[in-house]
């Protein structure tokens, strides 16, 4: 299976990859999305990439790039009419994992690679309740940084 393009999150001014897809929780709760193209890329079966940010201890979806059924690209306003700038992720409960440091073990499947550290941020109804850093070990010589950003999902 092809590794999937990660969601992104802005942390301390840097864009980092996420090991979860917070919008999938919204969909699972019955949230409606615009009609997406059936196949964008083998590296993006869900058809979109969201960018998230924590503002005042609250999780927001601040940008989305999606390939719509009509062949055009969709944005946040297409997913959440009336909210073109950001959407509070009140539906999200659980932890977001943000891999940090260099890759220790490579795996070409969803979220299986291991990195030097993981930042785990716990949320309850979109509000931060806890943050911890998990240390996973040292990367081998020549290891690369996580989530090299492909041009097609740049901000």
Protein backbone atom coordinates (compact mmCIF):
# COMPACT_ATOMS: atom_id res chain seq x y z
CA UNK A 1 0.00 0.00 0.00
CA UNK A 2 1.26 3.46 -0.86
CA UNK A 3 1.95 5.74 2.09
CA UNK A 4 -0.70 8.44 2.26
CA UNK A 5 -0.06 12.19 2.12
CA UNK A 6 -0.31 13.44 5.68
CA UNK A 7 -2.47 16.22 6.96
CA UNK A 8 -0.42 19.21 8.06
CA UNK A 9 -0.33 21.31 11.20
CA UNK A 10 1.30 24.64 11.96
CA UNK A 11 3.29 24.36 15.18
CA UNK A 12 5.50 27.20 16.42
CA UNK A 13 5.61 28.73 12.94
CA UNK A 14 6.63 25.46 11.23
CA UNK A 15 4.48 23.23 9.05
CA UNK A 16 4.65 19.61 10.18
CA UNK A 17 2.95 16.40 9.12
CA UNK A 18 0.27 14.68 11.19
CA UNK A 19 -0.18 10.96 11.71
CA UNK A 20 -3.98 11.31 11.84
CA UNK A 21 -6.77 12.70 9.69
CA UNK A 22 -8.97 14.79 12.03
CA UNK A 23 -11.53 15.53 9.31
CA UNK A 24 -12.32 11.80 9.06
CA UNK A 25 -13.88 12.02 12.53
CA UNK A 26 -16.18 14.79 11.24
CA UNK A 27 -17.17 12.60 8.29
CA UNK A 28 -17.74 9.62 10.59
CA UNK A 29 -20.14 11.71 12.66
CA UNK A 30 -22.20 12.46 9.54
CA UNK A 31 -20.50 15.64 8.34
CA UNK A 32 -20.99 16.25 4.64
CA UNK A 33 -18.20 17.04 2.18
CA UNK A 34 -18.41 18.31 -1.37
CA UNK A 35 -18.31 15.56 -3.99
CA UNK A 36 -14.65 14.61 -4.41
CA UNK A 37 -12.90 13.03 -7.35
CA UNK A 38 -12.88 9.25 -7.01
CA UNK A 39 -9.13 9.08 -7.54
CA UNK A 40 -6.66 11.88 -7.04
CA UNK A 41 -3.51 9.93 -6.37
CA UNK A 42 -2.53 6.57 -4.90
CA UNK A 43 -0.85 8.68 -2.20
CA UNK A 44 -4.12 10.46 -1.39
CA UNK A 45 -7.12 8.15 -1.47
CA UNK A 46 -9.18 10.48 0.76
CA UNK A 47 -9.07 13.21 -1.92
CA UNK A 48 -7.98 16.15 0.22
CA UNK A 49 -5.20 17.49 2.42
CA UNK A 50 -6.09 19.72 5.37
CA UNK A 51 -3.92 22.20 7.22
CA UNK A 52 -4.59 22.60 10.93
CA UNK A 53 -3.51 25.07 13.59
CA UNK A 54 -3.88 25.33 17.34
CA UNK A 55 -5.00 28.82 18.32
CA UNK A 56 -5.63 29.61 21.99
CA UNK A 57 -5.57 25.87 22.83
CA UNK A 58 -8.26 25.11 20.20
CA UNK A 59 -7.83 23.05 17.03
CA UNK A 60 -8.81 24.76 13.78
CA UNK A 61 -8.89 23.60 10.19
CA UNK A 62 -7.41 26.62 8.41
CA UNK A 63 -6.95 25.36 4.87
CA UNK A 64 -7.96 22.47 2.68
CA UNK A 65 -6.95 21.45 -0.79
CA UNK A 66 -9.20 18.94 -2.51
CA UNK A 67 -9.75 17.62 -6.00
CA UNK A 68 -13.45 17.98 -6.71
CA UNK A 69 -15.58 15.70 -8.89
CA UNK A 70 -15.94 18.47 -11.51
CA UNK A 71 -12.14 18.51 -11.95
CA UNK A 72 -11.50 21.75 -10.06
CA UNK A 73 -9.79 22.28 -6.75
CA UNK A 74 -11.86 22.88 -3.64
CA UNK A 75 -11.04 25.06 -0.64
CA UNK A 76 -12.23 25.51 2.93
CA UNK A 77 -15.35 27.45 1.89
CA UNK A 78 -16.41 24.51 -0.32
CA UNK A 79 -16.21 22.14 2.66
CA UNK A 80 -17.65 24.54 5.24
CA UNK A 81 -19.81 27.21 3.53
CA UNK A 82 -19.74 30.44 5.48
CA UNK A 83 -16.34 29.62 7.02
CA UNK A 84 -13.71 30.53 4.41
CA UNK A 85 -10.92 31.32 6.91
CA UNK A 86 -11.01 28.64 9.61
CA UNK A 87 -13.28 26.10 11.26
CA UNK A 88 -13.13 25.13 14.94
CA UNK A 89 -12.77 21.32 15.11
CA UNK A 90 -15.27 20.88 17.96
CA UNK A 91 -15.92 17.33 16.74
CA UNK A 92 -12.37 16.15 17.39
CA UNK A 93 -11.66 14.07 20.50
CA UNK A 94 -8.47 12.08 20.71
CA UNK A 95 -4.76 12.56 20.21
CA UNK A 96 -2.88 14.01 17.27
CA UNK A 97 0.60 12.63 16.71
CA UNK A 98 3.20 14.93 15.16
CA UNK A 99 6.38 13.06 14.18
CA UNK A 100 9.53 15.10 14.88
CA UNK A 101 13.21 14.63 14.22
CA UNK A 102 14.67 12.21 11.72
CA UNK A 103 13.27 8.89 10.58
CA UNK A 104 14.47 5.88 12.60
CA UNK A 105 12.61 3.16 10.69
CA UNK A 106 11.05 3.51 7.25
CA UNK A 107 7.76 1.88 6.36
CA UNK A 108 5.89 2.60 3.14
CA UNK A 109 2.41 2.33 4.64
CA UNK A 110 0.11 4.60 6.58
CA UNK A 111 1.76 6.08 9.66
CA UNK A 112 4.06 3.12 10.30
CA UNK A 113 7.42 4.91 10.01
CA UNK A 114 9.14 5.68 13.30
CA UNK A 115 10.79 9.03 14.07
CA UNK A 116 13.08 10.27 16.83
CA UNK A 117 10.20 11.95 18.70
CA UNK A 118 6.43 12.15 18.63
CA UNK A 119 4.55 15.17 19.94
CA UNK A 120 1.19 13.88 21.19
CA UNK A 121 -1.54 16.46 21.69
CA UNK A 122 -4.74 15.28 23.34
CA UNK A 123 -8.05 17.02 22.52
CA UNK A 124 -11.53 16.95 23.98
CA UNK A 125 -14.12 18.56 21.69
CA UNK A 126 -11.34 20.40 19.85
CA UNK A 127 -9.70 21.83 22.99
CA UNK A 128 -6.16 20.84 24.05
CA UNK A 129 -6.16 18.89 27.30
CA UNK A 130 -2.59 17.55 27.35
CA UNK A 131 0.67 17.57 25.38
CA UNK A 132 3.55 15.13 25.78
CA UNK A 133 6.74 14.38 23.89
CA UNK A 134 7.59 10.70 23.39
CA UNK A 135 11.26 9.92 22.68
CA UNK A 136 11.71 6.95 20.34
CA UNK A 137 15.50 6.77 19.97
CA UNK A 138 18.25 8.04 17.70
CA UNK A 139 18.08 8.02 13.90
CA UNK A 140 20.87 6.34 11.92
CA UNK A 141 23.48 8.43 10.12
CA UNK A 142 22.05 10.00 6.94
CA UNK A 143 18.38 9.68 7.97
CA UNK A 144 16.03 12.31 6.58
CA UNK A 145 13.51 14.63 8.20
CA UNK A 146 9.86 13.50 8.31
CA UNK A 147 7.22 14.26 5.75
CA UNK A 148 9.17 15.72 2.86
CA UNK A 149 6.58 18.04 1.35
CA UNK A 150 5.51 17.19 -2.19
CA UNK A 151 4.81 20.17 -4.47
CA UNK A 152 1.17 19.21 -5.06
CA UNK A 153 0.20 19.71 -1.43
CA UNK A 154 2.21 22.84 -0.63
CA UNK A 155 0.28 25.67 1.07
